[in-house]
Amino acid sequence: MSILTDFGHRLKAIRTERSLTQEKLAELSGLHRTYVGAVERGERNISLKNIHALAIALNVPISELLENLG
């Protein structure tokens, strides 16, 4: 697996643990729902700025999103 796929799986796991839909996470983070889906599938090379926005929306430190990657 690639780091993008690993990150996407991690993001999806945290999102589902919090019972959030992709649409709700997108709304909370200021990102588009299709972008969130593409990140979860490992199709987008997400920027640090967007990782930060997702971490805030999920109420987790950035390190939790990056845990066990690669």
C-alpha atoms as a PDB file:
ATOM      1  CA  MET A   1       0.000   0.000   0.000  1.00  0.00           C
ATOM      2  CA  SER A   2       1.039   3.571  -0.562  1.00  0.00           C
ATOM      3  CA  ILE A   3       1.221   6.265   2.071  1.00  0.00           C
ATOM      4  CA  LEU A   4      -1.783   7.939   0.408  1.00  0.00           C
ATOM      5  CA  THR A   5      -3.851   4.774   0.793  1.00  0.00           C
ATOM      6  CA  ASP A   6      -2.657   4.314   4.372  1.00  0.00           C
ATOM      7  CA  PHE A   7      -3.619   7.900   5.199  1.00  0.00           C
ATOM      8  CA  GLY A   8      -7.008   7.450   3.569  1.00  0.00           C
ATOM      9  CA  HIS A   9      -7.725   4.312   5.599  1.00  0.00           C
ATOM     10  CA  ARG A  10      -6.674   6.100   8.788  1.00  0.00           C
ATOM     11  CA  LEU A  11      -8.886   9.090   7.997  1.00  0.00           C
ATOM     12  CA  LYS A  12     -11.871   6.866   7.252  1.00  0.00           C
ATOM     13  CA  ALA A  13     -11.366   4.862  10.455  1.00  0.00           C
ATOM     14  CA  ILE A  14     -11.296   7.997  12.605  1.00  0.00           C
ATOM     15  CA  ARG A  15     -14.266   9.488  10.756  1.00  0.00           C
ATOM     16  CA  THR A  16     -16.377   6.359  11.215  1.00  0.00           C
ATOM     17  CA  GLU A  17     -15.366   6.054  14.892  1.00  0.00           C
ATOM     18  CA  ARG A  18     -16.945   9.474  15.321  1.00  0.00           C
ATOM     19  CA  SER A  19     -20.069   8.468  13.362  1.00  0.00           C
ATOM     20  CA  LEU A  20     -19.501  11.149  10.755  1.00  0.00           C
ATOM     21  CA  THR A  21     -20.434  10.909   7.092  1.00  0.00           C
ATOM     22  CA  GLN A  22     -18.037  12.123   4.435  1.00  0.00           C
ATOM     23  CA  GLU A  23     -20.492  14.939   3.808  1.00  0.00           C
ATOM     24  CA  LYS A  24     -20.498  16.035   7.465  1.00  0.00           C
ATOM     25  CA  LEU A  25     -16.700  15.845   7.706  1.00  0.00           C
ATOM     26  CA  ALA A  26     -16.433  17.901   4.534  1.00  0.00           C
ATOM     27  CA  GLU A  27     -18.792  20.501   5.987  1.00  0.00           C
ATOM     28  CA  LEU A  28     -16.894  20.681   9.277  1.00  0.00           C
ATOM     29  CA  SER A  29     -13.510  20.941   7.566  1.00  0.00           C
ATOM     30  CA  GLY A  30     -14.481  23.328   4.780  1.00  0.00           C
ATOM     31  CA  LEU A  31     -13.541  20.775   2.127  1.00  0.00           C
ATOM     32  CA  HIS A  32     -15.686  19.262  -0.628  1.00  0.00           C
ATOM     33  CA  ARG A  33     -17.284  15.851  -0.041  1.00  0.00           C
ATOM     34  CA  THR A  34     -15.825  14.409  -3.247  1.00  0.00           C
ATOM     35  CA  TYR A  35     -12.370  15.562  -2.149  1.00  0.00           C
ATOM     36  CA  VAL A  36     -12.759  13.819   1.229  1.00  0.00           C
ATOM     37  CA  GLY A  37     -13.830  10.633  -0.582  1.00  0.00           C
ATOM     38  CA  ALA A  38     -10.853  10.811  -2.931  1.00  0.00           C
ATOM     39  CA  VAL A  39      -8.486  11.283   0.023  1.00  0.00           C
ATOM     40  CA  GLU A  40     -10.021   8.277   1.804  1.00  0.00           C
ATOM     41  CA  ARG A  41      -9.490   6.175  -1.345  1.00  0.00           C
ATOM     42  CA  GLY A  42      -5.857   7.316  -1.616  1.00  0.00           C
ATOM     43  CA  GLU A  43      -6.493   9.124  -4.899  1.00  0.00           C
ATOM     44  CA  ARG A  44      -5.413  12.602  -3.748  1.00  0.00           C
ATOM     45  CA  ASN A  45      -2.085  13.799  -2.417  1.00  0.00           C
ATOM     46  CA  ILE A  46      -3.470  15.827   0.473  1.00  0.00           C
ATOM     47  CA  SER A  47      -1.768  19.029   1.567  1.00  0.00           C
ATOM     48  CA  LEU A  48      -0.662  19.794   5.090  1.00  0.00           C
ATOM     49  CA  LYS A  49      -3.219  22.617   5.156  1.00  0.00           C
ATOM     50  CA  ASN A  50      -6.038  20.145   4.447  1.00  0.00           C
ATOM     51  CA  ILE A  51      -4.675  17.603   6.946  1.00  0.00           C
ATOM     52  CA  HIS A  52      -4.841  20.398   9.513  1.00  0.00           C
ATOM     53  CA  ALA A  53      -8.444  21.243   8.545  1.00  0.00           C
ATOM     54  CA  LEU A  54      -9.470  17.584   8.892  1.00  0.00           C
ATOM     55  CA  ALA A  55      -7.721  17.254  12.259  1.00  0.00           C
ATOM     56  CA  ILE A  56      -9.594  20.276  13.575  1.00  0.00           C
ATOM     57  CA  ALA A  57     -12.903  18.960  12.211  1.00  0.00           C
ATOM     58  CA  LEU A  58     -12.278  15.554  13.819  1.00  0.00           C
ATOM     59  CA  ASN A  59     -10.985  17.144  17.039  1.00  0.00           C
ATOM     60  CA  VAL A  60      -7.759  15.126  16.954  1.00  0.00           C
ATOM     61  CA  PRO A  61      -4.099  16.142  16.837  1.00  0.00           C
ATOM     62  CA  ILE A  62      -2.504  15.926  13.386  1.00  0.00           C
ATOM     63  CA  SER A  63      -0.243  13.207  14.783  1.00  0.00           C
ATOM     64  CA  GLU A  64      -3.254  10.930  15.214  1.00  0.00           C
ATOM     65  CA  LEU A  65      -4.036  11.178  11.507  1.00  0.00           C
ATOM     66  CA  LEU A  66      -0.418  10.389  10.649  1.00  0.00           C
ATOM     67  CA  GLU A  67      -0.005   7.531  13.127  1.00  0.00           C
ATOM     68  CA  ASN A  68       1.389   4.267  11.702  1.00  0.00           C
ATOM     69  CA  LEU A  69       1.770   5.509   8.130  1.00  0.00           C
ATOM     70  CA  GLY A  70       4.230   4.052   5.682  1.00  0.00           C
END
